[in-house]
PDB file of N, CA and C in Angstrom:
ATOM      1  N   MET A   1      10.678 -15.671  17.438  1.00  0.00           N
ATOM      2  CA  MET A   1      10.220 -16.286  16.208  1.00  0.00           C
ATOM      3  C   MET A   1      10.339 -15.283  15.073  1.00  0.00           C
ATOM      4  N   ALA A   2      10.880 -15.682  13.957  1.00  0.00           N
ATOM      5  CA  ALA A   2      11.110 -14.796  12.822  1.00  0.00           C
ATOM      6  C   ALA A   2       9.812 -14.511  12.054  1.00  0.00           C
ATOM      7  N   ILE A   3       9.771 -13.340  11.476  1.00  0.00           N
ATOM      8  CA  ILE A   3       8.634 -12.983  10.626  1.00  0.00           C
ATOM      9  C   ILE A   3       8.827 -13.644   9.271  1.00  0.00           C
ATOM     10  N   CYS A   4       7.784 -14.267   8.781  1.00  0.00           N
ATOM     11  CA  CYS A   4       7.792 -14.841   7.435  1.00  0.00           C
ATOM     12  C   CYS A   4       7.180 -13.794   6.492  1.00  0.00           C
ATOM     13  N   PHE A   5       8.021 -13.257   5.597  1.00  0.00           N
ATOM     14  CA  PHE A   5       7.550 -12.261   4.644  1.00  0.00           C
ATOM     15  C   PHE A   5       7.064 -12.960   3.386  1.00  0.00           C
ATOM     16  N   ILE A   6       5.997 -12.438   2.790  1.00  0.00           N
ATOM     17  CA  ILE A   6       5.372 -13.076   1.631  1.00  0.00           C
ATOM     18  C   ILE A   6       5.588 -12.271   0.348  1.00  0.00           C
ATOM     19  N   VAL A   7       6.701 -11.586   0.250  1.00  0.00           N
ATOM     20  CA  VAL A   7       6.920 -10.676  -0.887  1.00  0.00           C
ATOM     21  C   VAL A   7       7.868 -11.223  -1.937  1.00  0.00           C
ATOM     22  N   ASP A   8       8.505 -12.350  -1.680  1.00  0.00           N
ATOM     23  CA  ASP A   8       9.463 -12.913  -2.631  1.00  0.00           C
ATOM     24  C   ASP A   8       8.728 -13.565  -3.794  1.00  0.00           C
ATOM     25  N   ARG A   9       9.291 -13.458  -4.989  1.00  0.00           N
ATOM     26  CA  ARG A   9       8.706 -14.071  -6.172  1.00  0.00           C
ATOM     27  C   ARG A   9       9.474 -15.332  -6.518  1.00  0.00           C
ATOM     28  N   GLU A  10       8.790 -16.454  -6.535  1.00  0.00           N
ATOM     29  CA  GLU A  10       9.432 -17.722  -6.868  1.00  0.00           C
ATOM     30  C   GLU A  10       9.588 -17.890  -8.379  1.00  0.00           C
ATOM     31  N   ASN A  11       8.675 -17.299  -9.149  1.00  0.00           N
ATOM     32  CA  ASN A  11       8.786 -17.368 -10.614  1.00  0.00           C
ATOM     33  C   ASN A  11       8.113 -16.131 -11.215  1.00  0.00           C
ATOM     34  N   PRO A  12       8.410 -15.822 -12.485  1.00  0.00           N
ATOM     35  CA  PRO A  12       7.901 -14.595 -13.105  1.00  0.00           C
ATOM     36  C   PRO A  12       6.388 -14.534 -13.257  1.00  0.00           C
ATOM     37  N   ARG A  13       5.680 -15.652 -13.141  1.00  0.00           N
ATOM     38  CA  ARG A  13       4.222 -15.651 -13.279  1.00  0.00           C
ATOM     39  C   ARG A  13       3.526 -15.168 -12.009  1.00  0.00           C
ATOM     40  N   GLU A  14       4.246 -15.128 -10.890  1.00  0.00           N
ATOM     41  CA  GLU A  14       3.660 -14.650  -9.652  1.00  0.00           C
ATOM     42  C   GLU A  14       3.581 -13.122  -9.649  1.00  0.00           C
ATOM     43  N   PRO A  15       2.575 -12.567  -8.992  1.00  0.00           N
ATOM     44  CA  PRO A  15       2.467 -11.101  -8.956  1.00  0.00           C
ATOM     45  C   PRO A  15       3.623 -10.474  -8.170  1.00  0.00           C
ATOM     46  N   ASP A  16       4.010  -9.274  -8.572  1.00  0.00           N
ATOM     47  CA  ASP A  16       5.049  -8.524  -7.864  1.00  0.00           C
ATOM     48  C   ASP A  16       4.382  -7.758  -6.732  1.00  0.00           C
ATOM     49  N   ILE A  17       4.415  -8.327  -5.556  1.00  0.00           N
ATOM     50  CA  ILE A  17       3.795  -7.696  -4.390  1.00  0.00           C
ATOM     51  C   ILE A  17       4.674  -6.551  -3.876  1.00  0.00           C
ATOM     52  N   LEU A  18       5.982  -6.759  -3.880  1.00  0.00           N
ATOM     53  CA  LEU A  18       6.893  -5.808  -3.253  1.00  0.00           C
ATOM     54  C   LEU A  18       7.144  -4.551  -4.083  1.00  0.00           C
ATOM     55  N   GLY A  19       7.278  -4.686  -5.378  1.00  0.00           N
ATOM     56  CA  GLY A  19       7.650  -3.549  -6.233  1.00  0.00           C
ATOM     57  C   GLY A  19       6.881  -2.261  -5.977  1.00  0.00           C
ATOM     58  N   PRO A  20       5.558  -2.294  -5.987  1.00  0.00           N
ATOM     59  CA  PRO A  20       4.787  -1.054  -5.808  1.00  0.00           C
ATOM     60  C   PRO A  20       4.875  -0.442  -4.413  1.00  0.00           C
ATOM     61  N   ILE A  21       5.304  -1.226  -3.407  1.00  0.00           N
ATOM     62  CA  ILE A  21       5.321  -0.704  -2.037  1.00  0.00           C
ATOM     63  C   ILE A  21       6.723  -0.724  -1.412  1.00  0.00           C
ATOM     64  N   ALA A  22       7.731  -0.981  -2.206  1.00  0.00           N
ATOM     65  CA  ALA A  22       9.097  -1.153  -1.702  1.00  0.00           C
ATOM     66  C   ALA A  22       9.683   0.087  -1.040  1.00  0.00           C
ATOM     67  N   HIS A  23       9.121   1.254  -1.317  1.00  0.00           N
ATOM     68  CA  HIS A  23       9.664   2.483  -0.726  1.00  0.00           C
ATOM     69  C   HIS A  23       8.825   3.015   0.440  1.00  0.00           C
ATOM     70  N   LEU A  24       7.864   2.216   0.887  1.00  0.00           N
ATOM     71  CA  LEU A  24       7.045   2.614   2.039  1.00  0.00           C
ATOM     72  C   LEU A  24       7.724   2.178   3.339  1.00  0.00           C
ATOM     73  N   PRO A  25       7.406   2.844   4.435  1.00  0.00           N
ATOM     74  CA  PRO A  25       8.021   2.470   5.714  1.00  0.00           C
ATOM     75  C   PRO A  25       7.547   1.097   6.189  1.00  0.00           C
ATOM     76  N   LEU A  26       8.426   0.404   6.896  1.00  0.00           N
ATOM     77  CA  LEU A  26       8.130  -0.878   7.504  1.00  0.00           C
ATOM     78  C   LEU A  26       7.646  -0.646   8.926  1.00  0.00           C
ATOM     79  N   THR A  27       6.517  -1.249   9.265  1.00  0.00           N
ATOM     80  CA  THR A  27       5.977  -1.183  10.615  1.00  0.00           C
ATOM     81  C   THR A  27       5.677  -2.605  11.066  1.00  0.00           C
ATOM     82  N   VAL A  28       6.030  -2.916  12.293  1.00  0.00           N
ATOM     83  CA  VAL A  28       5.737  -4.226  12.863  1.00  0.00           C
ATOM     84  C   VAL A  28       4.896  -4.010  14.125  1.00  0.00           C
ATOM     85  N   ALA A  29       3.779  -4.751  14.206  1.00  0.00           N
ATOM     86  CA  ALA A  29       2.876  -4.618  15.343  1.00  0.00           C
ATOM     87  C   ALA A  29       2.716  -5.965  16.055  1.00  0.00           C
ATOM     88  N   ASP A  30       2.496  -5.908  17.367  1.00  0.00           N
ATOM     89  CA  ASP A  30       2.281  -7.123  18.139  1.00  0.00           C
ATOM     90  C   ASP A  30       0.800  -7.521  18.062  1.00  0.00           C
ATOM     91  N   ALA A  31       0.425  -8.565  18.783  1.00  0.00           N
ATOM     92  CA  ALA A  31      -0.937  -9.093  18.729  1.00  0.00           C
ATOM     93  C   ALA A  31      -1.984  -8.086  19.191  1.00  0.00           C
ATOM     94  N   GLN A  32      -1.576  -7.127  20.024  1.00  0.00           N
ATOM     95  CA  GLN A  32      -2.505  -6.094  20.498  1.00  0.00           C
ATOM     96  C   GLN A  32      -2.486  -4.840  19.604  1.00  0.00           C
ATOM     97  N   LYS A  33      -1.833  -4.938  18.461  1.00  0.00           N
ATOM     98  CA  LYS A  33      -1.735  -3.841  17.482  1.00  0.00           C
ATOM     99  C   LYS A  33      -0.809  -2.713  17.935  1.00  0.00           C
ATOM    100  N   ASN A  34       0.020  -2.960  18.954  1.00  0.00           N
ATOM    101  CA  ASN A  34       1.011  -1.968  19.379  1.00  0.00           C
ATOM    102  C   ASN A  34       2.203  -2.033  18.427  1.00  0.00           C
ATOM    103  N   ILE A  35       2.664  -0.887  17.983  1.00  0.00           N
ATOM    104  CA  ILE A  35       3.823  -0.855  17.111  1.00  0.00           C
ATOM    105  C   ILE A  35       5.071  -1.131  17.941  1.00  0.00           C
ATOM    106  N   VAL A  36       5.793  -2.174  17.561  1.00  0.00           N
ATOM    107  CA  VAL A  36       7.004  -2.552  18.284  1.00  0.00           C
ATOM    108  C   VAL A  36       8.272  -2.225  17.501  1.00  0.00           C
ATOM    109  N   PHE A  37       8.098  -1.878  16.216  1.00  0.00           N
ATOM    110  CA  PHE A  37       9.251  -1.544  15.373  1.00  0.00           C
ATOM    111  C   PHE A  37       8.764  -0.777  14.160  1.00  0.00           C
ATOM    112  N   ASP A  38       9.501   0.252  13.785  1.00  0.00           N
ATOM    113  CA  ASP A  38       9.210   0.943  12.513  1.00  0.00           C
ATOM    114  C   ASP A  38      10.519   1.469  11.943  1.00  0.00           C
ATOM    115  N   MET A  39      10.578   1.492  10.634  1.00  0.00           N
ATOM    116  CA  MET A  39      11.805   1.928   9.963  1.00  0.00           C
ATOM    117  C   MET A  39      11.441   2.444   8.562  1.00  0.00           C
ATOM    118  N   ALA A  40      12.060   3.544   8.203  1.00  0.00           N
ATOM    119  CA  ALA A  40      11.893   4.080   6.848  1.00  0.00           C
ATOM    120  C   ALA A  40      12.532   3.116   5.845  1.00  0.00           C
ATOM    121  N   ALA A  41      12.042   3.162   4.636  1.00  0.00           N
ATOM    122  CA  ALA A  41      12.603   2.308   3.586  1.00  0.00           C
ATOM    123  C   ALA A  41      14.000   2.760   3.212  1.00  0.00           C
ATOM    124  N   PRO A  42      14.867   1.814   2.855  1.00  0.00           N
ATOM    125  CA  PRO A  42      16.182   2.189   2.346  1.00  0.00           C
ATOM    126  C   PRO A  42      16.037   2.977   1.052  1.00  0.00           C
ATOM    127  N   ALA A  43      17.053   3.712   0.667  1.00  0.00           N
ATOM    128  CA  ALA A  43      16.989   4.530  -0.546  1.00  0.00           C
ATOM    129  C   ALA A  43      16.606   3.744  -1.789  1.00  0.00           C
ATOM    130  N   ASP A  44      17.085   2.523  -1.902  1.00  0.00           N
ATOM    131  CA  ASP A  44      16.763   1.688  -3.064  1.00  0.00           C
ATOM    132  C   ASP A  44      15.517   0.850  -2.864  1.00  0.00           C
ATOM    133  N   GLY A  45      14.855   0.988  -1.734  1.00  0.00           N
ATOM    134  CA  GLY A  45      13.643   0.228  -1.455  1.00  0.00           C
ATOM    135  C   GLY A  45      13.955  -1.083  -0.755  1.00  0.00           C
ATOM    136  N   TRP A  46      12.898  -1.668  -0.195  1.00  0.00           N
ATOM    137  CA  TRP A  46      13.027  -2.924   0.517  1.00  0.00           C
ATOM    138  C   TRP A  46      13.200  -4.089  -0.436  1.00  0.00           C
ATOM    139  N   THR A  47      13.915  -5.098   0.021  1.00  0.00           N
ATOM    140  CA  THR A  47      13.997  -6.399  -0.643  1.00  0.00           C
ATOM    141  C   THR A  47      13.599  -7.427   0.413  1.00  0.00           C
ATOM    142  N   GLN A  48      13.353  -8.639  -0.023  1.00  0.00           N
ATOM    143  CA  GLN A  48      13.053  -9.717   0.929  1.00  0.00           C
ATOM    144  C   GLN A  48      14.183  -9.821   1.965  1.00  0.00           C
ATOM    145  N   PHE A  49      15.425  -9.815   1.491  1.00  0.00           N
ATOM    146  CA  PHE A  49      16.578  -9.928   2.381  1.00  0.00           C
ATOM    147  C   PHE A  49      16.622  -8.785   3.390  1.00  0.00           C
ATOM    148  N   LEU A  50      16.420  -7.550   2.938  1.00  0.00           N
ATOM    149  CA  LEU A  50      16.483  -6.411   3.843  1.00  0.00           C
ATOM    150  C   LEU A  50      15.364  -6.427   4.884  1.00  0.00           C
ATOM    151  N   LEU A  51      14.169  -6.864   4.478  1.00  0.00           N
ATOM    152  CA  LEU A  51      13.067  -6.986   5.441  1.00  0.00           C
ATOM    153  C   LEU A  51      13.408  -7.997   6.522  1.00  0.00           C
ATOM    154  N   GLU A  52      13.937  -9.144   6.113  1.00  0.00           N
ATOM    155  CA  GLU A  52      14.304 -10.175   7.079  1.00  0.00           C
ATOM    156  C   GLU A  52      15.425  -9.697   7.997  1.00  0.00           C
ATOM    157  N   ALA A  53      16.418  -9.024   7.437  1.00  0.00           N
ATOM    158  CA  ALA A  53      17.549  -8.531   8.238  1.00  0.00           C
ATOM    159  C   ALA A  53      17.102  -7.463   9.237  1.00  0.00           C
ATOM    160  N   ALA A  54      16.212  -6.575   8.812  1.00  0.00           N
ATOM    161  CA  ALA A  54      15.765  -5.483   9.679  1.00  0.00           C
ATOM    162  C   ALA A  54      14.948  -5.976  10.863  1.00  0.00           C
ATOM    163  N   THR A  55      14.307  -7.113  10.729  1.00  0.00           N
ATOM    164  CA  THR A  55      13.423  -7.598  11.783  1.00  0.00           C
ATOM    165  C   THR A  55      13.956  -8.825  12.511  1.00  0.00           C
ATOM    166  N   ALA A  56      15.140  -9.279  12.167  1.00  0.00           N
ATOM    167  CA  ALA A  56      15.694 -10.509  12.752  1.00  0.00           C
ATOM    168  C   ALA A  56      15.841 -10.432  14.268  1.00  0.00           C
ATOM    169  N   HIS A  57      16.023  -9.247  14.802  1.00  0.00           N
ATOM    170  CA  HIS A  57      16.228  -9.092  16.252  1.00  0.00           C
ATOM    171  C   HIS A  57      14.937  -9.143  17.060  1.00  0.00           C
ATOM    172  N   LEU A  58      13.792  -9.070  16.412  1.00  0.00           N
ATOM    173  CA  LEU A  58      12.514  -9.054  17.125  1.00  0.00           C
ATOM    174  C   LEU A  58      12.199 -10.446  17.664  1.00  0.00           C
ATOM    175  N   GLU A  59      11.836 -10.522  18.943  1.00  0.00           N
ATOM    176  CA  GLU A  59      11.638 -11.816  19.573  1.00  0.00           C
ATOM    177  C   GLU A  59      10.244 -11.988  20.153  1.00  0.00           C
ATOM    178  N   PHE A  60       9.273 -11.278  19.657  1.00  0.00           N
ATOM    179  CA  PHE A  60       7.893 -11.426  20.101  1.00  0.00           C
ATOM    180  C   PHE A  60       7.286 -12.653  19.407  1.00  0.00           C
ATOM    181  N   SER A  61       6.289 -13.272  20.028  1.00  0.00           N
ATOM    182  CA  SER A  61       5.731 -14.484  19.443  1.00  0.00           C
ATOM    183  C   SER A  61       4.678 -14.218  18.367  1.00  0.00           C
ATOM    184  N   GLU A  62       3.939 -13.121  18.464  1.00  0.00           N
ATOM    185  CA  GLU A  62       2.913 -12.809  17.480  1.00  0.00           C
ATOM    186  C   GLU A  62       3.142 -11.430  16.917  1.00  0.00           C
ATOM    187  N   LEU A  63       3.581 -11.390  15.659  1.00  0.00           N
ATOM    188  CA  LEU A  63       3.870 -10.108  15.000  1.00  0.00           C
ATOM    189  C   LEU A  63       3.271 -10.085  13.611  1.00  0.00           C
ATOM    190  N   ASP A  64       2.862  -8.904  13.183  1.00  0.00           N
ATOM    191  CA  ASP A  64       2.448  -8.661  11.805  1.00  0.00           C
ATOM    192  C   ASP A  64       3.295  -7.518  11.260  1.00  0.00           C
ATOM    193  N   ALA A  65       3.727  -7.665  10.007  1.00  0.00           N
ATOM    194  CA  ALA A  65       4.570  -6.652   9.365  1.00  0.00           C
ATOM    195  C   ALA A  65       3.796  -5.991   8.223  1.00  0.00           C
ATOM    196  N   PHE A  66       4.016  -4.699   8.067  1.00  0.00           N
ATOM    197  CA  PHE A  66       3.331  -3.898   7.047  1.00  0.00           C
ATOM    198  C   PHE A  66       4.331  -3.002   6.346  1.00  0.00           C
ATOM    199  N   LEU A  67       4.142  -2.822   5.064  1.00  0.00           N
ATOM    200  CA  LEU A  67       4.801  -1.749   4.318  1.00  0.00           C
ATOM    201  C   LEU A  67       3.704  -0.766   3.993  1.00  0.00           C
ATOM    202  N   GLY A  68       3.780   0.416   4.608  1.00  0.00           N
ATOM    203  CA  GLY A  68       2.644   1.323   4.549  1.00  0.00           C
ATOM    204  C   GLY A  68       1.479   0.631   5.245  1.00  0.00           C
ATOM    205  N   ALA A  69       0.334   0.560   4.580  1.00  0.00           N
ATOM    206  CA  ALA A  69      -0.840  -0.125   5.141  1.00  0.00           C
ATOM    207  C   ALA A  69      -0.965  -1.560   4.646  1.00  0.00           C
ATOM    208  N   GLU A  70      -0.065  -1.996   3.781  1.00  0.00           N
ATOM    209  CA  GLU A  70      -0.131  -3.326   3.159  1.00  0.00           C
ATOM    210  C   GLU A  70       0.530  -4.367   4.036  1.00  0.00           C
ATOM    211  N   TRP A  71      -0.237  -5.405   4.428  1.00  0.00           N
ATOM    212  CA  TRP A  71       0.324  -6.509   5.217  1.00  0.00           C
ATOM    213  C   TRP A  71       1.279  -7.301   4.354  1.00  0.00           C
ATOM    214  N   VAL A  72       2.492  -7.556   4.868  1.00  0.00           N
ATOM    215  CA  VAL A  72       3.522  -8.267   4.070  1.00  0.00           C
ATOM    216  C   VAL A  72       4.109  -9.473   4.789  1.00  0.00           C
ATOM    217  N   GLY A  73       3.699  -9.743   6.027  1.00  0.00           N
ATOM    218  CA  GLY A  73       4.239 -10.908   6.707  1.00  0.00           C
ATOM    219  C   GLY A  73       3.818 -11.005   8.146  1.00  0.00           C
ATOM    220  N   SER A  74       4.128 -12.176   8.729  1.00  0.00           N
ATOM    221  CA  SER A  74       3.709 -12.449  10.089  1.00  0.00           C
ATOM    222  C   SER A  74       4.544 -13.581  10.678  1.00  0.00           C
ATOM    223  N   THR A  75       4.563 -13.653  11.979  1.00  0.00           N
ATOM    224  CA  THR A  75       5.144 -14.822  12.644  1.00  0.00           C
ATOM    225  C   THR A  75       4.147 -15.981  12.616  1.00  0.00           C
ATOM    226  N   GLU A  76       2.928 -15.720  12.253  1.00  0.00           N
ATOM    227  CA  GLU A  76       1.867 -16.718  12.269  1.00  0.00           C
ATOM    228  C   GLU A  76       1.618 -17.367  10.904  1.00  0.00           C
ATOM    229  N   VAL A  77       2.465 -17.118   9.924  1.00  0.00           N
ATOM    230  CA  VAL A  77       2.264 -17.691   8.579  1.00  0.00           C
ATOM    231  C   VAL A  77       2.713 -19.120   8.571  1.00  0.00           C
TER     232      VAL A  77
END
């Protein structure tokens, strides 16, 4: 099941969640809080597309994704 990231902006009135944390490492944890994936941020920072591409191979049913300590998505959204 794919992780649904909540960092994309649909319109300019929405807050920029990704901008301030785009250069932090990505960590993905399973339901027991075990880290199953981690990756440093790309040089230009994360985008919605890059986050989805980096985690597309993960096939766990319950995952939470974080940039630094900030929760940015889950398979449970």
